Amino acid sequence: MSAPMETNMSEIDRIRSLSPQDMLMLGIKDIAYIKDIEVDGETAFGLFAANGKPLAVTADRAAAVATAWQNGLAPMTLQ
């Protein structure tokens, strides 16, 4: 029974040693963030990769969500 505990502790240690950059890269291929942005004085909706890289700007939230899904990304909303 000690082997699984050692494996779990090793995994926990690896997770604890992730750098902030490593954390940003988690989900980069799966998750997109949507947040309100201002473009030319108007509210728009930005679609961003998990690491913060801008992917698209849309006029409304529904279009941002659809764009994420169409590109195989799970949309998350940031406030």
C-alpha atoms as a PDB file:
ATOM      1  CA  MET A   1       0.000   0.000   0.000  1.00  0.00           C
ATOM      2  CA  SER A   2       2.898   2.403   0.356  1.00  0.00           C
ATOM      3  CA  ALA A   3       3.577   2.523  -3.409  1.00  0.00           C
ATOM      4  CA  PRO A   4       0.358   4.401  -4.305  1.00  0.00           C
ATOM      5  CA  MET A   5       1.000   6.917  -1.520  1.00  0.00           C
ATOM      6  CA  GLU A   6       4.526   7.516  -2.838  1.00  0.00           C
ATOM      7  CA  THR A   7       3.163   7.984  -6.356  1.00  0.00           C
ATOM      8  CA  ASN A   8       0.544  10.439  -5.109  1.00  0.00           C
ATOM      9  CA  MET A   9       3.122  12.410  -3.157  1.00  0.00           C
ATOM     10  CA  SER A  10       5.371  12.556  -6.207  1.00  0.00           C
ATOM     11  CA  GLU A  11       2.493  13.884  -8.326  1.00  0.00           C
ATOM     12  CA  ILE A  12       1.635  16.462  -5.682  1.00  0.00           C
ATOM     13  CA  ASP A  13       5.266  17.587  -5.532  1.00  0.00           C
ATOM     14  CA  ARG A  14       5.331  17.972  -9.333  1.00  0.00           C
ATOM     15  CA  ILE A  15       2.159  20.052  -9.260  1.00  0.00           C
ATOM     16  CA  ARG A  16       3.552  22.252  -6.504  1.00  0.00           C
ATOM     17  CA  SER A  17       6.685  22.874  -8.560  1.00  0.00           C
ATOM     18  CA  LEU A  18       4.801  24.256 -11.594  1.00  0.00           C
ATOM     19  CA  SER A  19       5.938  27.745 -12.520  1.00  0.00           C
ATOM     20  CA  PRO A  20       3.461  30.536 -13.253  1.00  0.00           C
ATOM     21  CA  GLN A  21       4.226  30.042 -16.977  1.00  0.00           C
ATOM     22  CA  ASP A  22       3.481  26.313 -16.633  1.00  0.00           C
ATOM     23  CA  MET A  23       0.140  27.188 -15.039  1.00  0.00           C
ATOM     24  CA  LEU A  24      -0.701  29.540 -17.921  1.00  0.00           C
ATOM     25  CA  MET A  25       0.040  26.801 -20.423  1.00  0.00           C
ATOM     26  CA  LEU A  26      -2.358  24.362 -18.741  1.00  0.00           C
ATOM     27  CA  GLY A  27      -5.386  24.186 -20.936  1.00  0.00           C
ATOM     28  CA  ILE A  28      -3.950  26.410 -23.670  1.00  0.00           C
ATOM     29  CA  LYS A  29      -5.196  23.968 -26.293  1.00  0.00           C
ATOM     30  CA  ASP A  30      -8.596  23.513 -24.652  1.00  0.00           C
ATOM     31  CA  ILE A  31      -9.731  26.725 -22.971  1.00  0.00           C
ATOM     32  CA  ALA A  32     -10.464  30.241 -24.205  1.00  0.00           C
ATOM     33  CA  TYR A  33     -11.323  33.155 -21.955  1.00  0.00           C
ATOM     34  CA  ILE A  34     -13.907  35.748 -22.880  1.00  0.00           C
ATOM     35  CA  LYS A  35     -13.818  39.161 -21.297  1.00  0.00           C
ATOM     36  CA  ASP A  36     -15.347  42.547 -21.950  1.00  0.00           C
ATOM     37  CA  ILE A  37     -12.928  44.931 -23.650  1.00  0.00           C
ATOM     38  CA  GLU A  38     -13.230  48.433 -25.052  1.00  0.00           C
ATOM     39  CA  VAL A  39     -12.653  49.061 -28.751  1.00  0.00           C
ATOM     40  CA  ASP A  40     -13.050  52.605 -30.097  1.00  0.00           C
ATOM     41  CA  GLY A  41     -15.125  53.576 -27.067  1.00  0.00           C
ATOM     42  CA  GLU A  42     -17.518  50.646 -27.511  1.00  0.00           C
ATOM     43  CA  THR A  43     -17.823  47.448 -25.490  1.00  0.00           C
ATOM     44  CA  ALA A  44     -16.627  44.392 -27.376  1.00  0.00           C
ATOM     45  CA  PHE A  45     -15.774  40.860 -26.329  1.00  0.00           C
ATOM     46  CA  GLY A  46     -12.246  39.547 -26.528  1.00  0.00           C
ATOM     47  CA  LEU A  47     -11.450  35.871 -26.904  1.00  0.00           C
ATOM     48  CA  PHE A  48      -8.102  34.945 -25.342  1.00  0.00           C
ATOM     49  CA  ALA A  49      -6.030  31.760 -25.093  1.00  0.00           C
ATOM     50  CA  ALA A  50      -5.288  30.364 -21.629  1.00  0.00           C
ATOM     51  CA  ASN A  51      -1.930  32.176 -21.688  1.00  0.00           C
ATOM     52  CA  GLY A  52      -3.591  35.524 -22.428  1.00  0.00           C
ATOM     53  CA  LYS A  53      -2.813  35.635 -26.152  1.00  0.00           C
ATOM     54  CA  PRO A  54      -5.605  37.482 -27.995  1.00  0.00           C
ATOM     55  CA  LEU A  55      -7.456  35.231 -30.433  1.00  0.00           C
ATOM     56  CA  ALA A  56     -10.448  37.273 -31.633  1.00  0.00           C
ATOM     57  CA  VAL A  57     -12.658  40.273 -30.949  1.00  0.00           C
ATOM     58  CA  THR A  58     -16.409  40.065 -31.458  1.00  0.00           C
ATOM     59  CA  ALA A  59     -19.299  42.491 -31.135  1.00  0.00           C
ATOM     60  CA  ASP A  60     -21.280  40.330 -28.734  1.00  0.00           C
ATOM     61  CA  ARG A  61     -20.727  37.603 -26.161  1.00  0.00           C
ATOM     62  CA  ALA A  62     -22.707  34.973 -28.100  1.00  0.00           C
ATOM     63  CA  ALA A  63     -20.409  35.388 -31.105  1.00  0.00           C
ATOM     64  CA  ALA A  64     -17.344  35.015 -28.861  1.00  0.00           C
ATOM     65  CA  VAL A  65     -18.769  31.818 -27.361  1.00  0.00           C
ATOM     66  CA  ALA A  66     -19.608  30.453 -30.815  1.00  0.00           C
ATOM     67  CA  THR A  67     -16.123  31.313 -32.109  1.00  0.00           C
ATOM     68  CA  ALA A  68     -14.538  29.450 -29.206  1.00  0.00           C
ATOM     69  CA  TRP A  69     -16.657  26.321 -29.744  1.00  0.00           C
ATOM     70  CA  GLN A  70     -16.112  26.397 -33.517  1.00  0.00           C
ATOM     71  CA  ASN A  71     -12.371  26.309 -32.876  1.00  0.00           C
ATOM     72  CA  GLY A  72     -12.528  23.419 -30.396  1.00  0.00           C
ATOM     73  CA  LEU A  73     -12.093  25.606 -27.321  1.00  0.00           C
ATOM     74  CA  ALA A  74     -14.195  25.588 -24.154  1.00  0.00           C
ATOM     75  CA  PRO A  75     -15.156  29.209 -23.414  1.00  0.00           C
ATOM     76  CA  MET A  76     -14.787  30.628 -19.908  1.00  0.00           C
ATOM     77  CA  THR A  77     -15.885  34.094 -18.880  1.00  0.00           C
ATOM     78  CA  LEU A  78     -13.578  36.471 -16.999  1.00  0.00           C
ATOM     79  CA  GLN A  79     -15.003  39.377 -15.045  1.00  0.00           C
END
